Amino acid sequence: MKRQKRDKLGRAHANGYQAGLGGKTKEQCPYQSVNAKSQWLGGWRDAISDRNLGLFK
C-alpha cells in the first residue's frame, strides 16, 4: 500500500508554523507562489499567536 504525501499547501502551512515557533520573521518565507505563500504565512501567524498566548516558549 502506497503512502500518500501530504499536499503541498498543508506542508507549507506546517513549515510556516514551525518557522513561527522558531522565531523567524515573515519576510523569510521561502515560497514564491501566492497560494503556498499565503498558507505559509497563515501557519506563521498561528504560531506567533500561540507563542503570545504562552502555549510555547
N, C-alpha and C. Protein backbone atom coordinates (compact mmCIF):
# COMPACT_ATOMS: atom_id res chain seq x y z
N MET A 1 0.84 -1.17 0.00
CA MET A 1 0.00 0.00 0.00
C MET A 1 0.89 1.25 0.00
N LYS A 2 0.63 2.14 -0.91
CA LYS A 2 1.41 3.36 -1.01
C LYS A 2 0.96 4.37 0.03
N ARG A 3 1.91 5.10 0.54
CA ARG A 3 1.57 6.21 1.43
C ARG A 3 1.33 7.44 0.59
N GLN A 4 0.35 8.22 1.00
CA GLN A 4 0.11 9.48 0.31
C GLN A 4 0.93 10.57 0.97
N LYS A 5 1.53 11.38 0.15
CA LYS A 5 2.24 12.53 0.69
C LYS A 5 1.21 13.58 1.08
N ARG A 6 1.58 14.38 2.07
CA ARG A 6 0.70 15.49 2.40
C ARG A 6 0.68 16.46 1.23
N ASP A 7 -0.41 17.14 1.08
CA ASP A 7 -0.48 18.08 -0.04
C ASP A 7 0.49 19.23 0.21
N LYS A 8 0.88 19.89 -0.86
CA LYS A 8 1.90 20.93 -0.78
C LYS A 8 1.45 22.11 0.07
N LEU A 9 0.17 22.46 0.02
CA LEU A 9 -0.31 23.59 0.80
C LEU A 9 -0.33 23.27 2.29
N GLY A 10 -0.67 22.04 2.62
CA GLY A 10 -0.64 21.63 4.02
C GLY A 10 0.78 21.63 4.55
N ARG A 11 1.71 21.22 3.72
CA ARG A 11 3.12 21.23 4.10
C ARG A 11 3.62 22.66 4.27
N ALA A 12 3.17 23.56 3.41
CA ALA A 12 3.57 24.96 3.52
C ALA A 12 3.07 25.55 4.84
N HIS A 13 1.84 25.22 5.21
CA HIS A 13 1.27 25.72 6.47
C HIS A 13 2.08 25.19 7.66
N ALA A 14 2.39 23.90 7.63
CA ALA A 14 3.16 23.29 8.72
C ALA A 14 4.56 23.89 8.80
N ASN A 15 5.19 24.14 7.66
CA ASN A 15 6.51 24.75 7.65
C ASN A 15 6.47 26.18 8.19
N GLY A 16 5.42 26.90 7.85
CA GLY A 16 5.25 28.26 8.38
C GLY A 16 5.05 28.26 9.88
N TYR A 17 4.30 27.28 10.37
CA TYR A 17 4.07 27.17 11.80
C TYR A 17 5.39 26.91 12.53
N GLN A 18 6.19 26.00 11.99
CA GLN A 18 7.48 25.69 12.60
C GLN A 18 8.41 26.89 12.55
N ALA A 19 8.35 27.65 11.47
CA ALA A 19 9.19 28.84 11.35
C ALA A 19 8.77 29.89 12.37
N GLY A 20 7.47 30.04 12.57
CA GLY A 20 6.98 30.98 13.57
C GLY A 20 7.40 30.60 14.97
N LEU A 21 7.34 29.32 15.28
CA LEU A 21 7.78 28.85 16.60
C LEU A 21 9.28 29.06 16.77
N GLY A 22 10.00 28.96 15.68
CA GLY A 22 11.45 29.12 15.71
C GLY A 22 11.90 30.57 15.75
N GLY A 23 10.97 31.50 15.67
CA GLY A 23 11.31 32.92 15.77
C GLY A 23 11.69 33.58 14.46
N LYS A 24 11.42 32.93 13.34
CA LYS A 24 11.74 33.55 12.06
C LYS A 24 10.73 34.66 11.74
N THR A 25 11.14 35.58 10.91
CA THR A 25 10.24 36.66 10.52
C THR A 25 9.45 36.24 9.28
N LYS A 26 8.36 36.94 9.04
CA LYS A 26 7.53 36.58 7.89
C LYS A 26 8.20 36.88 6.57
N GLU A 27 9.21 37.75 6.57
CA GLU A 27 9.95 38.04 5.35
C GLU A 27 10.83 36.86 4.92
N GLN A 28 11.01 35.88 5.78
CA GLN A 28 11.84 34.73 5.45
C GLN A 28 11.05 33.60 4.80
N CYS A 29 9.86 33.90 4.32
CA CYS A 29 9.03 32.89 3.66
C CYS A 29 9.74 32.40 2.40
N PRO A 30 9.92 31.08 2.26
CA PRO A 30 10.66 30.55 1.12
C PRO A 30 9.82 30.34 -0.14
N TYR A 31 8.51 30.54 -0.06
CA TYR A 31 7.63 30.23 -1.19
C TYR A 31 7.40 31.44 -2.07
N GLN A 32 7.24 31.17 -3.38
CA GLN A 32 7.01 32.23 -4.35
C GLN A 32 5.57 32.24 -4.85
N SER A 33 4.94 31.07 -4.93
CA SER A 33 3.57 31.04 -5.44
C SER A 33 2.62 31.63 -4.40
N VAL A 34 1.58 32.28 -4.87
CA VAL A 34 0.67 33.01 -4.00
C VAL A 34 -0.03 32.07 -3.01
N ASN A 35 -0.51 30.94 -3.49
CA ASN A 35 -1.23 30.02 -2.60
C ASN A 35 -0.34 29.44 -1.52
N ALA A 36 0.83 28.98 -1.88
CA ALA A 36 1.74 28.41 -0.90
C ALA A 36 2.22 29.48 0.08
N LYS A 37 2.47 30.67 -0.43
CA LYS A 37 2.93 31.75 0.44
C LYS A 37 1.86 32.14 1.44
N SER A 38 0.61 32.18 1.02
CA SER A 38 -0.46 32.53 1.94
C SER A 38 -0.65 31.44 3.00
N GLN A 39 -0.48 30.19 2.62
CA GLN A 39 -0.56 29.10 3.60
C GLN A 39 0.59 29.17 4.60
N TRP A 40 1.79 29.45 4.11
CA TRP A 40 2.95 29.57 4.99
C TRP A 40 2.73 30.71 5.99
N LEU A 41 2.27 31.85 5.48
CA LEU A 41 2.03 32.99 6.35
C LEU A 41 0.91 32.71 7.35
N GLY A 42 -0.10 31.95 6.95
CA GLY A 42 -1.16 31.56 7.88
C GLY A 42 -0.62 30.70 9.01
N GLY A 43 0.23 29.76 8.69
CA GLY A 43 0.86 28.93 9.71
C GLY A 43 1.77 29.75 10.61
N TRP A 44 2.49 30.69 10.01
CA TRP A 44 3.37 31.56 10.77
C TRP A 44 2.57 32.40 11.76
N ARG A 45 1.44 32.97 11.28
CA ARG A 45 0.59 33.78 12.17
C ARG A 45 0.01 32.94 13.30
N ASP A 46 -0.40 31.71 13.00
CA ASP A 46 -0.92 30.82 14.04
C ASP A 46 0.13 30.57 15.12
N ALA A 47 1.36 30.34 14.69
CA ALA A 47 2.44 30.06 15.64
C ALA A 47 2.75 31.28 16.49
N ILE A 48 2.75 32.45 15.87
CA ILE A 48 3.03 33.68 16.63
C ILE A 48 1.94 33.92 17.66
N SER A 49 0.69 33.71 17.29
CA SER A 49 -0.39 33.91 18.27
C SER A 49 -0.33 32.86 19.37
N ASP A 50 0.04 31.62 19.04
CA ASP A 50 0.19 30.59 20.06
C ASP A 50 1.33 30.93 21.02
N ARG A 51 2.42 31.45 20.48
CA ARG A 51 3.53 31.86 21.35
C ARG A 51 3.12 33.00 22.25
N ASN A 52 2.34 33.96 21.72
CA ASN A 52 1.90 35.10 22.52
C ASN A 52 0.92 34.68 23.61
N LEU A 53 0.18 33.62 23.37
CA LEU A 53 -0.76 33.12 24.37
C LEU A 53 -0.04 32.29 25.45
N GLY A 54 1.22 31.98 25.21
CA GLY A 54 2.01 31.25 26.18
C GLY A 54 1.94 29.74 26.01
N LEU A 55 1.48 29.27 24.86
CA LEU A 55 1.39 27.85 24.63
C LEU A 55 2.77 27.23 24.39
N PHE A 56 3.70 28.03 23.87
CA PHE A 56 5.05 27.58 23.60
C PHE A 56 6.03 28.62 24.12
N LYS A 57 7.22 28.17 24.43
CA LYS A 57 8.24 29.12 24.91
C LYS A 57 9.23 29.40 23.82
